[in-house]
């Protein structure tokens, strides 16, 4: 099968997100003039080590946030955000926070997720997250298409949950790394292996 995206694929569901998988989930928390917000994004990744930098992309809008979503709108206001990393035990909370709630409705409260304050920025974080990356936005880049934005940020502070540190390494083997596949599919990675680079 071959198709050009502009012509459509003719399948019941778009295969694109299932092709590029698994994808890590950036559980993005923000604070803005309307309050606190929390939402998962699977177009997310680490982009550099020194200084540490991350990106995530938002690819749709909401009726009460014309042209974007709450996360991007609030980052445009404050220029800060936090990337929370969920282990497999938090899958239900991650999913609950993906609900398209009205702007200003707090997903922490709605999904029963305990917040904590960040240290280097004025923003909430997920208290129980395996890790949290406090970030200052360096760029909000409009992408091709309607309501597509990429947010780039520099990491200014890192929280690591104590039980996720084993022998001096960040390790989620017992809990699993939560990732997005395609359609309604997710994965919890618990089996890994090491390879030496040539």
Protein backbone atom coordinates (compact mmCIF):
# COMPACT_ATOMS: atom_id res chain seq x y z
CA UNK A 1 0.00 0.00 0.00
CA UNK A 2 1.14 3.52 -0.79
CA UNK A 3 -0.72 6.76 -0.21
CA UNK A 4 -0.09 10.49 -0.32
CA UNK A 5 -1.24 12.10 2.95
CA UNK A 6 -3.10 14.86 1.12
CA UNK A 7 -5.17 12.23 -0.74
CA UNK A 8 -6.10 10.21 2.35
CA UNK A 9 -5.31 6.62 3.28
CA UNK A 10 -8.71 4.98 2.84
CA UNK A 11 -8.33 3.04 6.10
CA UNK A 12 -10.80 3.19 9.01
CA UNK A 13 -8.16 4.93 11.17
CA UNK A 14 -5.08 7.03 10.41
CA UNK A 15 -2.01 4.73 10.58
CA UNK A 16 0.54 7.52 11.07
CA UNK A 17 0.68 7.57 14.87
CA UNK A 18 0.96 3.76 14.93
CA UNK A 19 3.89 3.85 12.49
CA UNK A 20 6.01 6.16 14.66
CA UNK A 21 5.78 4.30 17.96
CA UNK A 22 6.35 3.91 20.82
CA UNK A 23 6.48 7.59 21.71
CA UNK A 24 7.30 8.90 25.19
CA UNK A 25 4.55 10.90 26.86
CA UNK A 26 5.23 14.43 28.06
CA UNK A 27 2.65 15.09 30.76
CA UNK A 28 2.69 18.88 30.52
CA UNK A 29 1.63 21.05 33.45
CA UNK A 30 1.17 24.79 33.14
CA UNK A 31 -0.18 27.76 35.08
CA UNK A 32 -1.87 30.74 33.48
CA UNK A 33 -4.26 33.56 34.25
CA UNK A 34 -7.18 31.07 34.21
CA UNK A 35 -5.48 28.61 36.60
CA UNK A 36 -3.54 25.36 36.44
CA UNK A 37 -3.63 22.83 33.58
CA UNK A 38 -2.33 19.30 32.99
CA UNK A 39 -2.40 17.35 29.71
CA UNK A 40 -0.46 14.46 28.09
CA UNK A 41 1.32 14.92 24.76
CA UNK A 42 2.88 12.03 22.83
CA UNK A 43 4.63 14.27 20.32
CA UNK A 44 7.37 14.84 22.92
CA UNK A 45 11.09 14.21 23.36
CA UNK A 46 14.44 15.29 24.79
CA UNK A 47 16.34 17.36 22.21
CA UNK A 48 19.73 18.22 23.80
CA UNK A 49 21.95 17.46 26.79
CA UNK A 50 23.85 20.72 27.44
CA UNK A 51 21.90 22.69 28.33
CA UNK A 52 19.15 20.06 28.68
CA UNK A 53 16.26 20.83 26.34
CA UNK A 54 12.89 19.30 25.46
CA UNK A 55 10.14 19.74 22.91
CA UNK A 56 6.48 18.86 22.60
CA UNK A 57 3.94 19.52 19.89
CA UNK A 58 0.25 20.35 20.18
CA UNK A 59 -1.80 19.39 17.14
CA UNK A 60 -5.36 20.59 17.61
CA UNK A 61 -7.43 23.31 19.22
CA UNK A 62 -10.46 23.74 21.48
CA UNK A 63 -13.56 25.88 20.99
CA UNK A 64 -12.63 28.04 23.99
CA UNK A 65 -8.96 28.39 22.91
CA UNK A 66 -9.21 29.35 19.23
CA UNK A 67 -6.25 28.04 17.26
CA UNK A 68 -4.57 26.11 20.07
CA UNK A 69 -4.99 24.22 23.36
CA UNK A 70 -4.75 25.29 26.99
CA UNK A 71 -1.11 24.17 27.41
CA UNK A 72 0.25 26.25 24.53
CA UNK A 73 -1.93 29.24 25.39
CA UNK A 74 -0.70 29.25 28.98
CA UNK A 75 2.95 28.79 27.99
CA UNK A 76 2.56 31.79 25.66
CA UNK A 77 1.41 33.78 28.73
CA UNK A 78 4.02 32.65 31.26
CA UNK A 79 6.90 31.18 29.19
CA UNK A 80 7.22 28.25 31.63
CA UNK A 81 5.98 24.65 31.82
CA UNK A 82 6.79 21.35 33.52
CA UNK A 83 7.21 17.96 31.82
CA UNK A 84 6.05 15.19 34.15
CA UNK A 85 7.14 11.62 33.38
CA UNK A 86 4.60 8.94 34.32
CA UNK A 87 5.46 5.37 35.13
CA UNK A 88 3.06 2.54 34.29
CA UNK A 89 1.21 2.80 37.59
CA UNK A 90 -0.07 6.28 36.65
CA UNK A 91 -1.63 5.29 33.31
CA UNK A 92 -5.21 5.91 34.48
CA UNK A 93 -4.36 9.40 35.78
CA UNK A 94 -2.56 10.27 32.54
CA UNK A 95 -5.59 9.19 30.54
CA UNK A 96 -8.02 11.05 32.84
CA UNK A 97 -6.05 14.28 32.38
CA UNK A 98 -6.49 14.05 28.59
CA UNK A 99 -10.18 15.05 28.83
CA UNK A 100 -11.05 18.19 26.86
CA UNK A 101 -12.18 20.26 29.83
CA UNK A 102 -13.17 23.92 29.57
CA UNK A 103 -10.32 26.41 29.82
CA UNK A 104 -9.73 27.24 33.46
CA UNK A 105 -10.91 23.88 34.79
CA UNK A 106 -8.07 22.27 36.76
CA UNK A 107 -7.19 18.77 35.49
CA UNK A 108 -5.27 18.08 38.70
CA UNK A 109 -8.53 18.39 40.64
CA UNK A 110 -10.76 16.80 38.00
CA UNK A 111 -8.55 13.70 37.69
CA UNK A 112 -7.66 13.45 41.40
CA UNK A 113 -3.94 14.11 40.83
CA UNK A 114 -1.94 15.67 43.66
CA UNK A 115 0.07 18.73 42.57
CA UNK A 116 3.26 20.12 44.04
CA UNK A 117 5.03 23.39 43.35
CA UNK A 118 8.07 23.60 41.10
CA UNK A 119 11.30 25.06 42.51
CA UNK A 120 12.71 27.16 39.64
CA UNK A 121 9.49 28.29 37.94
CA UNK A 122 5.97 29.35 38.97
CA UNK A 123 4.19 26.21 37.83
CA UNK A 124 2.63 23.08 39.32
CA UNK A 125 4.04 19.59 38.80
CA UNK A 126 2.64 16.10 39.41
CA UNK A 127 3.79 15.21 42.92
CA UNK A 128 3.79 11.44 42.23
CA UNK A 129 5.51 11.57 38.82
CA UNK A 130 8.60 9.41 38.40
CA UNK A 131 10.44 12.53 37.21
CA UNK A 132 9.57 16.14 36.48
CA UNK A 133 11.48 18.58 34.27
CA UNK A 134 10.94 22.26 35.07
CA UNK A 135 11.28 24.25 31.83
CA UNK A 136 11.53 27.77 30.52
CA UNK A 137 10.13 28.07 27.00
CA UNK A 138 12.64 29.23 24.40
CA UNK A 139 10.35 29.11 21.38
CA UNK A 140 6.77 28.45 20.39
CA UNK A 141 6.95 27.56 16.71
CA UNK A 142 3.91 27.44 14.45
CA UNK A 143 4.03 24.33 12.27
CA UNK A 144 2.37 23.60 8.92
CA UNK A 145 -1.36 22.93 9.20
CA UNK A 146 -4.15 24.20 11.41
CA UNK A 147 -3.44 24.62 15.13
CA UNK A 148 -0.05 22.84 15.02
CA UNK A 149 2.58 24.24 17.39
CA UNK A 150 5.94 23.02 18.68
CA UNK A 151 7.12 24.24 22.08
CA UNK A 152 10.84 24.16 22.86
CA UNK A 153 12.19 24.63 26.37
CA UNK A 154 15.36 24.61 28.47
CA UNK A 155 15.25 22.45 31.59
CA UNK A 156 15.95 24.53 34.72
CA UNK A 157 15.26 21.93 37.41
CA UNK A 158 14.81 18.15 37.63
CA UNK A 159 12.86 16.15 40.23
CA UNK A 160 13.50 12.40 40.55
CA UNK A 161 11.29 10.22 42.72
CA UNK A 162 13.52 8.47 45.25
CA UNK A 163 12.18 4.97 44.54
CA UNK A 164 13.14 5.41 40.88
CA UNK A 165 16.85 5.70 41.71
CA UNK A 166 18.63 2.33 41.76
CA UNK A 167 22.41 1.95 41.95
CA UNK A 168 22.89 5.55 40.88
CA UNK A 169 20.64 5.25 37.82
CA UNK A 170 17.12 6.45 37.04
CA UNK A 171 15.31 3.14 36.66
CA UNK A 172 11.64 2.28 36.11
CA UNK A 173 12.09 -1.45 35.48
CA UNK A 174 9.74 -2.43 38.31
CA UNK A 175 7.13 0.14 37.31
CA UNK A 176 7.62 0.47 33.56
CA UNK A 177 7.93 3.41 31.20
CA UNK A 178 4.52 4.49 29.89
CA UNK A 179 4.42 5.25 26.16
CA UNK A 180 1.93 5.92 23.38
CA UNK A 181 1.58 3.60 20.42
CA UNK A 182 -1.23 4.37 18.00
CA UNK A 183 -5.01 4.50 17.94
CA UNK A 184 -6.05 3.78 21.59
CA UNK A 185 -2.94 1.69 22.27
CA UNK A 186 -0.33 2.31 24.96
CA UNK A 187 2.63 0.30 26.23
CA UNK A 188 4.39 -0.15 29.54
CA UNK A 189 8.01 -1.06 28.90
CA UNK A 190 9.54 -3.29 31.55
CA UNK A 191 11.87 -5.47 29.47
CA UNK A 192 15.07 -3.80 28.30
CA UNK A 193 18.57 -4.82 27.20
CA UNK A 194 21.98 -3.16 26.96
CA UNK A 195 24.29 -2.93 23.94
CA UNK A 196 27.78 -1.47 23.71
CA UNK A 197 28.32 1.02 20.90
CA UNK A 198 30.97 -0.02 18.35
